């Protein structure tokens, strides 16, 4: 494995790490969010699950059409939407905005995991050629 492939794998691992951390970061913030936004545990649970439910739906739906596009562009599009959704969560002034931001982050985050694995598979597949991603 050459240095360009290692750099690509590091970048993909970083993308995947931020995607997973965004999903997991809500639980430790529970007490602060509940007191700050004046919500109950049921509402907080819905805000947490909104991401997972939306990510599941978006990954299922995108499986039917995402192969028609370049994987790199889909990954960049999904990550850009994911970052916008995540920053929107940080700026949420109320509960409704937080849930909408979590839905937005989940909508794009659901596509990221599969795209990262597809890029790794393309890079390691000798028939596709690693030059497609690392040149």
N, C-alpha and C. Protein backbone atom coordinates (compact mmCIF):
# COMPACT_ATOMS: atom_id res chain seq x y z
N UNK A 1 0.85 -1.17 0.00
CA UNK A 1 0.00 0.00 0.00
C UNK A 1 0.90 1.23 0.00
N UNK A 2 0.67 2.12 -0.96
CA UNK A 2 1.52 3.31 -1.06
C UNK A 2 1.00 4.43 -0.15
N UNK A 3 1.73 5.53 -0.12
CA UNK A 3 1.38 6.61 0.82
C UNK A 3 0.07 7.30 0.45
N UNK A 4 -0.26 7.36 -0.84
CA UNK A 4 -1.53 7.98 -1.24
C UNK A 4 -2.71 7.14 -0.78
N UNK A 5 -2.57 5.84 -0.86
CA UNK A 5 -3.64 4.95 -0.39
C UNK A 5 -3.79 5.05 1.12
N UNK A 6 -2.68 5.15 1.83
CA UNK A 6 -2.73 5.31 3.29
C UNK A 6 -3.40 6.62 3.67
N UNK A 7 -3.10 7.68 2.94
CA UNK A 7 -3.73 8.97 3.20
C UNK A 7 -5.23 8.91 2.93
N UNK A 8 -5.62 8.25 1.86
CA UNK A 8 -7.03 8.08 1.55
C UNK A 8 -7.74 7.31 2.66
N UNK A 9 -7.14 6.22 3.10
CA UNK A 9 -7.75 5.43 4.17
C UNK A 9 -7.83 6.21 5.47
N UNK A 10 -6.84 7.03 5.76
CA UNK A 10 -6.89 7.88 6.95
C UNK A 10 -8.03 8.90 6.84
N UNK A 11 -8.19 9.50 5.67
CA UNK A 11 -9.27 10.47 5.47
C UNK A 11 -10.63 9.78 5.60
N UNK A 12 -10.78 8.61 5.03
CA UNK A 12 -12.04 7.88 5.13
C UNK A 12 -12.32 7.45 6.57
N UNK A 13 -11.28 7.05 7.28
CA UNK A 13 -11.45 6.69 8.69
C UNK A 13 -11.87 7.91 9.51
N UNK A 14 -11.34 9.08 9.16
CA UNK A 14 -11.73 10.30 9.86
C UNK A 14 -13.18 10.66 9.58
N UNK A 15 -13.61 10.50 8.34
CA UNK A 15 -15.01 10.75 7.99
C UNK A 15 -15.91 9.80 8.77
N UNK A 16 -15.55 8.53 8.78
CA UNK A 16 -16.36 7.54 9.49
C UNK A 16 -16.36 7.80 11.00
N UNK A 17 -15.23 8.22 11.55
CA UNK A 17 -15.14 8.53 12.97
C UNK A 17 -16.07 9.68 13.34
N UNK A 18 -16.06 10.76 12.54
CA UNK A 18 -16.93 11.89 12.86
C UNK A 18 -18.40 11.51 12.72
N UNK A 19 -18.70 10.66 11.78
CA UNK A 19 -20.07 10.19 11.59
C UNK A 19 -20.54 9.40 12.82
N UNK A 20 -19.71 8.52 13.30
CA UNK A 20 -20.07 7.70 14.47
C UNK A 20 -20.12 8.56 15.73
N UNK A 21 -19.18 9.47 15.88
CA UNK A 21 -19.17 10.32 17.07
C UNK A 21 -20.40 11.23 17.13
N UNK A 22 -20.85 11.70 15.98
CA UNK A 22 -22.05 12.55 15.97
C UNK A 22 -23.25 11.77 16.47
N UNK A 23 -23.33 10.52 16.08
CA UNK A 23 -24.44 9.69 16.53
C UNK A 23 -24.36 9.45 18.03
N UNK A 24 -23.16 9.24 18.56
CA UNK A 24 -22.99 8.87 19.96
C UNK A 24 -22.94 10.06 20.92
N UNK A 25 -22.69 11.25 20.44
CA UNK A 25 -22.45 12.39 21.33
C UNK A 25 -23.70 12.87 22.05
N UNK A 26 -24.86 12.53 21.55
CA UNK A 26 -26.10 13.02 22.17
C UNK A 26 -26.32 12.44 23.58
N UNK A 27 -26.00 11.20 23.79
CA UNK A 27 -26.30 10.58 25.08
C UNK A 27 -25.60 11.27 26.25
N UNK A 28 -24.31 11.56 26.20
CA UNK A 28 -23.70 12.24 27.34
C UNK A 28 -24.21 13.67 27.54
N UNK A 29 -24.75 14.26 26.48
CA UNK A 29 -25.26 15.63 26.58
C UNK A 29 -26.69 15.69 27.09
N UNK A 30 -27.28 14.55 27.37
CA UNK A 30 -28.68 14.48 27.78
C UNK A 30 -29.08 15.41 28.91
N UNK A 31 -28.44 15.34 30.06
CA UNK A 31 -28.85 16.21 31.17
C UNK A 31 -28.74 17.71 30.84
N UNK A 32 -27.68 18.09 30.14
CA UNK A 32 -27.52 19.50 29.78
C UNK A 32 -28.60 19.93 28.78
N UNK A 33 -28.86 19.11 27.78
CA UNK A 33 -29.87 19.47 26.78
C UNK A 33 -31.27 19.51 27.39
N UNK A 34 -31.57 18.58 28.29
CA UNK A 34 -32.89 18.57 28.90
C UNK A 34 -33.12 19.82 29.74
N UNK A 35 -32.10 20.25 30.48
CA UNK A 35 -32.29 21.47 31.29
C UNK A 35 -32.24 22.73 30.44
N UNK A 36 -31.40 22.75 29.44
CA UNK A 36 -31.27 23.95 28.60
C UNK A 36 -32.50 24.17 27.72
N UNK A 37 -33.01 23.09 27.14
CA UNK A 37 -34.16 23.21 26.23
C UNK A 37 -35.50 22.96 26.92
N UNK A 38 -35.46 22.65 28.21
CA UNK A 38 -36.66 22.40 29.01
C UNK A 38 -37.51 21.29 28.39
N UNK A 39 -36.85 20.15 28.20
CA UNK A 39 -37.55 18.99 27.62
C UNK A 39 -37.51 17.84 28.61
N UNK A 40 -38.42 16.89 28.43
CA UNK A 40 -38.46 15.71 29.31
C UNK A 40 -37.68 14.57 28.68
N UNK A 41 -37.45 13.49 29.43
CA UNK A 41 -36.68 12.37 28.88
C UNK A 41 -37.29 11.75 27.62
N UNK A 42 -38.62 11.74 27.52
CA UNK A 42 -39.25 11.20 26.31
C UNK A 42 -38.90 12.05 25.09
N UNK A 43 -38.95 13.34 25.23
CA UNK A 43 -38.59 14.22 24.12
C UNK A 43 -37.11 14.08 23.76
N UNK A 44 -36.27 13.95 24.77
CA UNK A 44 -34.85 13.75 24.51
C UNK A 44 -34.63 12.43 23.77
N UNK A 45 -35.31 11.39 24.19
CA UNK A 45 -35.19 10.10 23.51
C UNK A 45 -35.62 10.18 22.05
N UNK A 46 -36.65 10.96 21.78
CA UNK A 46 -37.08 11.15 20.40
C UNK A 46 -36.02 11.90 19.59
N UNK A 47 -35.39 12.91 20.20
CA UNK A 47 -34.34 13.65 19.51
C UNK A 47 -33.16 12.75 19.18
N UNK A 48 -32.83 11.84 20.09
CA UNK A 48 -31.74 10.89 19.85
C UNK A 48 -32.12 9.91 18.75
N UNK A 49 -33.32 9.37 18.81
CA UNK A 49 -33.73 8.35 17.84
C UNK A 49 -34.06 8.94 16.48
N UNK A 50 -34.33 10.24 16.40
CA UNK A 50 -34.63 10.87 15.11
C UNK A 50 -33.48 10.67 14.14
N UNK A 51 -32.26 10.76 14.63
CA UNK A 51 -31.08 10.56 13.78
C UNK A 51 -31.05 9.14 13.24
N UNK A 52 -31.19 8.16 14.15
CA UNK A 52 -31.09 6.76 13.74
C UNK A 52 -32.21 6.36 12.78
N UNK A 53 -33.41 6.81 13.05
CA UNK A 53 -34.53 6.46 12.17
C UNK A 53 -34.35 7.08 10.79
N UNK A 54 -33.97 8.32 10.75
CA UNK A 54 -33.76 8.98 9.46
C UNK A 54 -32.58 8.38 8.71
N UNK A 55 -31.52 8.05 9.42
CA UNK A 55 -30.35 7.44 8.77
C UNK A 55 -30.72 6.08 8.18
N UNK A 56 -31.52 5.31 8.89
CA UNK A 56 -31.94 4.02 8.36
C UNK A 56 -32.78 4.15 7.10
N UNK A 57 -33.71 5.08 7.12
CA UNK A 57 -34.57 5.29 5.96
C UNK A 57 -33.75 5.82 4.78
N UNK A 58 -32.88 6.80 5.03
CA UNK A 58 -32.11 7.38 3.92
C UNK A 58 -31.13 6.38 3.33
N UNK A 59 -30.53 5.55 4.16
CA UNK A 59 -29.59 4.55 3.61
C UNK A 59 -30.33 3.50 2.79
N UNK A 60 -31.52 3.13 3.21
CA UNK A 60 -32.31 2.17 2.44
C UNK A 60 -32.75 2.77 1.10
N UNK A 61 -33.27 3.98 1.14
CA UNK A 61 -33.75 4.63 -0.09
C UNK A 61 -32.60 4.92 -1.04
N UNK A 62 -31.48 5.40 -0.50
CA UNK A 62 -30.36 5.74 -1.37
C UNK A 62 -29.73 4.52 -2.03
N UNK A 63 -29.90 3.36 -1.45
CA UNK A 63 -29.33 2.14 -2.04
C UNK A 63 -29.89 1.87 -3.44
N UNK A 64 -31.05 2.40 -3.74
CA UNK A 64 -31.67 2.15 -5.04
C UNK A 64 -31.16 3.07 -6.14
N UNK A 65 -30.55 4.19 -5.81
CA UNK A 65 -30.14 5.11 -6.87
C UNK A 65 -28.71 5.64 -6.74
N UNK A 66 -28.06 5.44 -5.62
CA UNK A 66 -26.76 6.06 -5.40
C UNK A 66 -25.67 5.49 -6.31
N UNK A 67 -25.82 4.28 -6.81
CA UNK A 67 -24.81 3.69 -7.68
C UNK A 67 -24.77 4.33 -9.06
N UNK A 68 -25.75 5.14 -9.38
CA UNK A 68 -25.77 5.84 -10.67
C UNK A 68 -24.83 7.05 -10.68
N UNK A 69 -24.32 7.41 -9.51
CA UNK A 69 -23.46 8.59 -9.38
C UNK A 69 -22.06 8.18 -8.95
N UNK A 70 -21.13 9.08 -9.15
CA UNK A 70 -19.75 8.86 -8.74
C UNK A 70 -19.69 8.78 -7.21
N UNK A 71 -19.02 7.77 -6.68
CA UNK A 71 -18.97 7.57 -5.23
C UNK A 71 -18.33 8.74 -4.50
N UNK A 72 -17.31 9.30 -5.09
CA UNK A 72 -16.61 10.42 -4.45
C UNK A 72 -17.56 11.62 -4.30
N UNK A 73 -18.32 11.91 -5.34
CA UNK A 73 -19.24 13.04 -5.29
C UNK A 73 -20.37 12.78 -4.30
N UNK A 74 -20.86 11.56 -4.26
CA UNK A 74 -21.92 11.22 -3.31
C UNK A 74 -21.40 11.35 -1.88
N UNK A 75 -20.18 10.88 -1.64
CA UNK A 75 -19.60 10.97 -0.30
C UNK A 75 -19.40 12.43 0.10
N UNK A 76 -18.90 13.25 -0.81
CA UNK A 76 -18.70 14.67 -0.49
C UNK A 76 -20.04 15.38 -0.26
N UNK A 77 -21.04 15.06 -1.08
CA UNK A 77 -22.36 15.64 -0.90
C UNK A 77 -22.96 15.24 0.44
N UNK A 78 -22.88 13.95 0.75
CA UNK A 78 -23.44 13.45 2.01
C UNK A 78 -22.70 14.05 3.20
N UNK A 79 -21.39 14.15 3.11
CA UNK A 79 -20.64 14.69 4.25
C UNK A 79 -20.91 16.19 4.43
N UNK A 80 -21.08 16.91 3.33
CA UNK A 80 -21.41 18.34 3.44
C UNK A 80 -22.77 18.52 4.12
N UNK A 81 -23.75 17.75 3.71
CA UNK A 81 -25.06 17.82 4.36
C UNK A 81 -25.00 17.40 5.81
N UNK A 82 -24.21 16.40 6.08
CA UNK A 82 -24.02 15.92 7.45
C UNK A 82 -23.41 17.01 8.34
N UNK A 83 -22.39 17.69 7.82
CA UNK A 83 -21.74 18.76 8.59
C UNK A 83 -22.71 19.90 8.85
N UNK A 84 -23.50 20.26 7.85
CA UNK A 84 -24.50 21.32 8.03
C UNK A 84 -25.51 20.90 9.10
N UNK A 85 -25.97 19.66 9.04
CA UNK A 85 -26.90 19.16 10.05
C UNK A 85 -26.31 19.14 11.43
N UNK A 86 -25.05 18.75 11.54
CA UNK A 86 -24.39 18.69 12.84
C UNK A 86 -24.19 20.08 13.43
N UNK A 87 -23.76 21.03 12.61
CA UNK A 87 -23.62 22.40 13.11
C UNK A 87 -24.97 23.01 13.46
N UNK A 88 -26.00 22.62 12.75
CA UNK A 88 -27.34 23.09 13.09
C UNK A 88 -27.76 22.57 14.46
N UNK A 89 -27.36 21.36 14.79
CA UNK A 89 -27.65 20.81 16.13
C UNK A 89 -26.96 21.66 17.20
N UNK A 90 -25.75 22.06 16.92
CA UNK A 90 -25.01 22.86 17.90
C UNK A 90 -25.64 24.23 18.12
N UNK A 91 -26.32 24.74 17.11
CA UNK A 91 -26.91 26.08 17.20
C UNK A 91 -28.40 26.05 17.51
N UNK A 92 -28.94 24.88 17.83
CA UNK A 92 -30.38 24.74 18.04
C UNK A 92 -30.86 25.57 19.23
N UNK A 93 -31.77 26.51 18.98
CA UNK A 93 -32.27 27.35 20.07
C UNK A 93 -33.44 26.71 20.84
N UNK A 94 -34.08 25.71 20.22
CA UNK A 94 -35.22 25.06 20.88
C UNK A 94 -35.31 23.59 20.46
N UNK A 95 -36.24 22.90 21.07
CA UNK A 95 -36.39 21.46 20.85
C UNK A 95 -36.74 21.13 19.41
N UNK A 96 -37.66 21.86 18.82
CA UNK A 96 -38.11 21.57 17.46
C UNK A 96 -36.96 21.72 16.46
N UNK A 97 -36.17 22.76 16.65
CA UNK A 97 -35.03 22.97 15.77
C UNK A 97 -34.00 21.86 15.96
N UNK A 98 -33.80 21.41 17.19
CA UNK A 98 -32.86 20.32 17.46
C UNK A 98 -33.31 19.05 16.75
N UNK A 99 -34.57 18.71 16.84
CA UNK A 99 -35.08 17.50 16.17
C UNK A 99 -34.93 17.63 14.66
N UNK A 100 -35.25 18.79 14.11
CA UNK A 100 -35.11 18.99 12.67
C UNK A 100 -33.65 18.88 12.24
N UNK A 101 -32.74 19.40 13.06
CA UNK A 101 -31.31 19.30 12.74
C UNK A 101 -30.83 17.86 12.85
N UNK A 102 -31.33 17.12 13.83
CA UNK A 102 -30.96 15.70 13.95
C UNK A 102 -31.48 14.90 12.77
N UNK A 103 -32.68 15.24 12.30
CA UNK A 103 -33.22 14.58 11.11
C UNK A 103 -32.35 14.89 9.90
N UNK A 104 -31.94 16.13 9.75
CA UNK A 104 -31.07 16.52 8.63
C UNK A 104 -29.73 15.79 8.69
N UNK A 105 -29.13 15.75 9.87
CA UNK A 105 -27.85 15.05 10.03
C UNK A 105 -28.02 13.56 9.75
N UNK A 106 -29.10 12.97 10.19
CA UNK A 106 -29.35 11.55 9.93
C UNK A 106 -29.62 11.26 8.47
N UNK A 107 -30.30 12.18 7.80
CA UNK A 107 -30.60 12.02 6.38
C UNK A 107 -29.32 11.85 5.58
N UNK A 108 -28.34 12.67 5.85
CA UNK A 108 -27.07 12.58 5.13
C UNK A 108 -26.12 11.58 5.77
N UNK A 109 -26.18 11.44 7.09
CA UNK A 109 -25.29 10.50 7.77
C UNK A 109 -25.57 9.06 7.41
N UNK A 110 -26.80 8.75 7.05
CA UNK A 110 -27.14 7.39 6.67
C UNK A 110 -26.43 6.91 5.42
N UNK A 111 -26.04 7.83 4.59
CA UNK A 111 -25.35 7.45 3.35
C UNK A 111 -23.84 7.35 3.53
N UNK A 112 -23.31 7.93 4.57
CA UNK A 112 -21.86 8.03 4.71
C UNK A 112 -21.19 6.67 4.93
N UNK A 113 -21.71 5.88 5.85
CA UNK A 113 -21.08 4.60 6.17
C UNK A 113 -20.93 3.69 4.96
N UNK A 114 -21.98 3.56 4.18
CA UNK A 114 -21.93 2.71 3.00
C UNK A 114 -20.99 3.28 1.95
N UNK A 115 -20.95 4.59 1.80
CA UNK A 115 -20.08 5.19 0.81
C UNK A 115 -18.61 5.03 1.20
N UNK A 116 -18.30 5.13 2.47
CA UNK A 116 -16.92 4.93 2.92
C UNK A 116 -16.47 3.51 2.60
N UNK A 117 -17.31 2.54 2.89
CA UNK A 117 -16.95 1.16 2.60
C UNK A 117 -16.84 0.90 1.10
N UNK A 118 -17.69 1.55 0.31
CA UNK A 118 -17.62 1.39 -1.14
C UNK A 118 -16.33 1.97 -1.70
N UNK A 119 -15.90 3.11 -1.17
CA UNK A 119 -14.65 3.71 -1.63
C UNK A 119 -13.47 2.82 -1.26
N UNK A 120 -13.47 2.28 -0.06
CA UNK A 120 -12.40 1.36 0.35
C UNK A 120 -12.38 0.14 -0.57
N UNK A 121 -13.54 -0.42 -0.86
CA UNK A 121 -13.60 -1.58 -1.75
C UNK A 121 -13.10 -1.23 -3.15
N UNK A 122 -13.46 -0.06 -3.65
CA UNK A 122 -12.97 0.37 -4.97
C UNK A 122 -11.46 0.54 -4.97
N UNK A 123 -10.93 1.05 -3.88
CA UNK A 123 -9.49 1.28 -3.79
C UNK A 123 -8.73 -0.03 -3.73
N UNK A 124 -9.26 -0.99 -3.02
CA UNK A 124 -8.58 -2.28 -2.87
C UNK A 124 -8.82 -3.23 -4.04
N UNK A 125 -9.85 -2.95 -4.82
CA UNK A 125 -10.18 -3.80 -5.96
C UNK A 125 -9.23 -3.49 -7.10
N UNK A 126 -8.47 -4.48 -7.52
CA UNK A 126 -7.49 -4.24 -8.58
C UNK A 126 -8.13 -4.03 -9.93
N UNK A 127 -9.34 -4.54 -10.14
CA UNK A 127 -9.98 -4.33 -11.44
C UNK A 127 -10.42 -2.89 -11.61
N UNK A 128 -10.83 -2.22 -10.51
CA UNK A 128 -11.21 -0.81 -10.59
C UNK A 128 -9.98 0.07 -10.63
N UNK A 129 -8.90 -0.43 -10.04
CA UNK A 129 -7.65 0.34 -10.03
C UNK A 129 -7.62 1.39 -8.96
N UNK A 130 -6.59 1.38 -8.12
CA UNK A 130 -6.50 2.37 -7.06
C UNK A 130 -6.30 3.79 -7.59
N UNK A 131 -5.87 3.91 -8.84
CA UNK A 131 -5.64 5.25 -9.39
C UNK A 131 -6.92 6.07 -9.45
N UNK A 132 -8.07 5.40 -9.45
CA UNK A 132 -9.33 6.11 -9.52
C UNK A 132 -9.51 7.03 -8.32
N UNK A 133 -9.02 6.66 -7.17
CA UNK A 133 -9.24 7.43 -5.96
C UNK A 133 -8.01 8.20 -5.49
N UNK A 134 -6.85 7.68 -5.75
CA UNK A 134 -5.66 8.28 -5.14
C UNK A 134 -4.85 9.14 -6.10
N UNK A 135 -5.24 9.25 -7.34
CA UNK A 135 -4.46 10.10 -8.25
C UNK A 135 -4.91 11.52 -8.15
